[in-house]
Protein backbone atom coordinates (compact mmCIF):
# COMPACT_ATOMS: atom_id res chain seq x y z
CA UNK A 1 0.00 0.00 0.00
CA UNK A 2 0.92 3.64 -0.47
CA UNK A 3 3.13 2.75 -3.43
CA UNK A 4 3.20 5.04 -6.39
CA UNK A 5 1.73 8.12 -4.77
CA UNK A 6 3.03 11.58 -5.61
CA UNK A 7 4.37 13.84 -2.89
CA UNK A 8 1.48 16.29 -3.24
CA UNK A 9 -1.13 17.38 -5.81
CA UNK A 10 0.96 20.46 -6.56
CA UNK A 11 3.95 18.28 -7.53
CA UNK A 12 2.03 15.69 -9.60
CA UNK A 13 2.83 17.33 -12.95
CA UNK A 14 6.47 17.89 -12.11
CA UNK A 15 6.86 14.29 -10.95
CA UNK A 16 5.18 13.04 -14.13
CA UNK A 17 7.64 15.03 -16.26
CA UNK A 18 10.55 13.65 -14.24
CA UNK A 19 9.33 10.07 -14.76
CA UNK A 20 8.96 10.75 -18.49
CA UNK A 21 12.48 12.19 -18.71
CA UNK A 22 13.97 9.21 -16.91
CA UNK A 23 11.95 6.77 -19.03
CA UNK A 24 13.29 8.51 -22.15
CA UNK A 25 16.76 7.34 -21.12
CA UNK A 26 15.70 3.84 -22.11
CA UNK A 27 16.86 4.70 -25.66
CA UNK A 28 20.37 5.19 -24.25
CA UNK A 29 20.05 2.00 -22.23
CA UNK A 30 19.33 0.00 -25.41
CA UNK A 31 22.65 1.30 -26.78
CA UNK A 32 24.54 0.54 -23.55
CA UNK A 33 27.06 -2.15 -22.77
CA UNK A 34 24.71 -3.45 -20.06
CA UNK A 35 21.98 -4.19 -22.61
CA UNK A 36 24.51 -5.59 -25.09
CA UNK A 37 25.73 -7.94 -22.36
CA UNK A 38 22.15 -9.00 -21.63
CA UNK A 39 21.66 -9.78 -25.32
CA UNK A 40 24.86 -11.82 -25.34
CA UNK A 41 23.54 -13.72 -22.31
CA UNK A 42 20.29 -14.57 -24.08
CA UNK A 43 17.69 -12.03 -22.98
CA UNK A 44 16.17 -12.22 -26.45
CA UNK A 45 15.30 -15.84 -25.69
CA UNK A 46 12.86 -14.85 -22.94
CA UNK A 47 9.18 -15.08 -23.74
CA UNK A 48 7.61 -11.97 -25.24
CA UNK A 49 4.11 -13.39 -24.86
CA UNK A 50 1.99 -11.01 -22.80
CA UNK A 51 0.74 -12.18 -19.43
CA UNK A 52 -2.41 -11.03 -17.69
CA UNK A 53 -0.89 -7.68 -16.77
CA UNK A 54 0.32 -7.17 -20.39
CA UNK A 55 3.97 -7.61 -19.41
CA UNK A 56 6.16 -10.47 -20.56
CA UNK A 57 9.24 -12.21 -19.21
CA UNK A 58 11.26 -10.16 -21.67
CA UNK A 59 9.71 -6.77 -20.84
CA UNK A 60 10.03 -7.34 -17.09
CA UNK A 61 13.69 -8.28 -17.43
CA UNK A 62 14.39 -5.28 -19.66
CA UNK A 63 12.74 -3.01 -17.07
CA UNK A 64 14.71 -4.64 -14.23
CA UNK A 65 17.99 -4.16 -16.10
CA UNK A 66 17.05 -0.59 -17.06
CA UNK A 67 16.37 0.32 -13.43
CA UNK A 68 19.66 -1.28 -12.37
CA UNK A 69 21.46 0.76 -15.06
CA UNK A 70 20.06 4.09 -13.86
CA UNK A 71 21.86 6.24 -11.31
CA UNK A 72 20.76 5.34 -7.79
CA UNK A 73 18.61 8.44 -7.18
CA UNK A 74 16.69 7.99 -10.43
CA UNK A 75 16.27 4.27 -9.79
CA UNK A 76 14.81 4.92 -6.33
CA UNK A 77 12.49 7.59 -7.73
CA UNK A 78 11.20 5.24 -10.42
CA UNK A 79 10.80 2.33 -8.00
CA UNK A 80 8.86 4.56 -5.58
CA UNK A 81 6.62 5.63 -8.47
CA UNK A 82 5.46 2.09 -9.25
CA UNK A 83 1.98 1.14 -8.19
CA UNK A 84 -0.50 3.74 -9.37
CA UNK A 85 -1.05 4.94 -12.92
CA UNK A 86 -0.47 8.61 -13.75
CA UNK A 87 -4.13 9.62 -13.49
CA UNK A 88 -4.52 7.63 -10.27
CA UNK A 89 -1.54 9.46 -8.77
CA UNK A 90 -3.25 12.80 -9.40
CA UNK A 91 -6.64 11.54 -8.23
CA UNK A 92 -5.26 10.27 -4.92
CA UNK A 93 -3.27 13.49 -4.42
CA UNK A 94 -6.47 15.51 -5.02
CA UNK A 95 -8.40 13.43 -2.47
CA UNK A 96 -5.64 13.97 0.07
CA UNK A 97 -5.45 17.69 -0.68
CA UNK A 98 -9.19 18.05 -0.12
CA UNK A 99 -9.05 15.92 3.01
CA UNK A 100 -11.42 13.27 1.63
CA UNK A 101 -11.16 9.82 3.16
CA UNK A 102 -10.48 6.88 0.89
CA UNK A 103 -9.51 3.26 1.32
CA UNK A 104 -6.39 1.85 -0.28
CA UNK A 105 -6.96 -1.55 -1.82
CA UNK A 106 -4.34 -3.80 -3.37
CA UNK A 107 -5.79 -5.24 -6.58
CA UNK A 108 -4.47 -8.53 -7.87
CA UNK A 109 -5.19 -8.42 -11.59
CA UNK A 110 -4.67 -12.16 -11.95
CA UNK A 111 -7.73 -12.83 -9.78
CA UNK A 112 -9.83 -10.67 -12.13
CA UNK A 113 -8.63 -12.50 -15.21
CA UNK A 114 -9.55 -15.98 -14.06
Foldseek 3Di string as FASTA:
>chain_A
DLAQADPALVCLVVLVVLLVVLVVCLVVVCVDPLVVVVVVVPLVVFDCDQDLVGGGSSRVVSVVSSLVPDPPVSSVSVRSNPDDDSVVNNVVNVCVVVVHDDDDDDDDSVVVVD
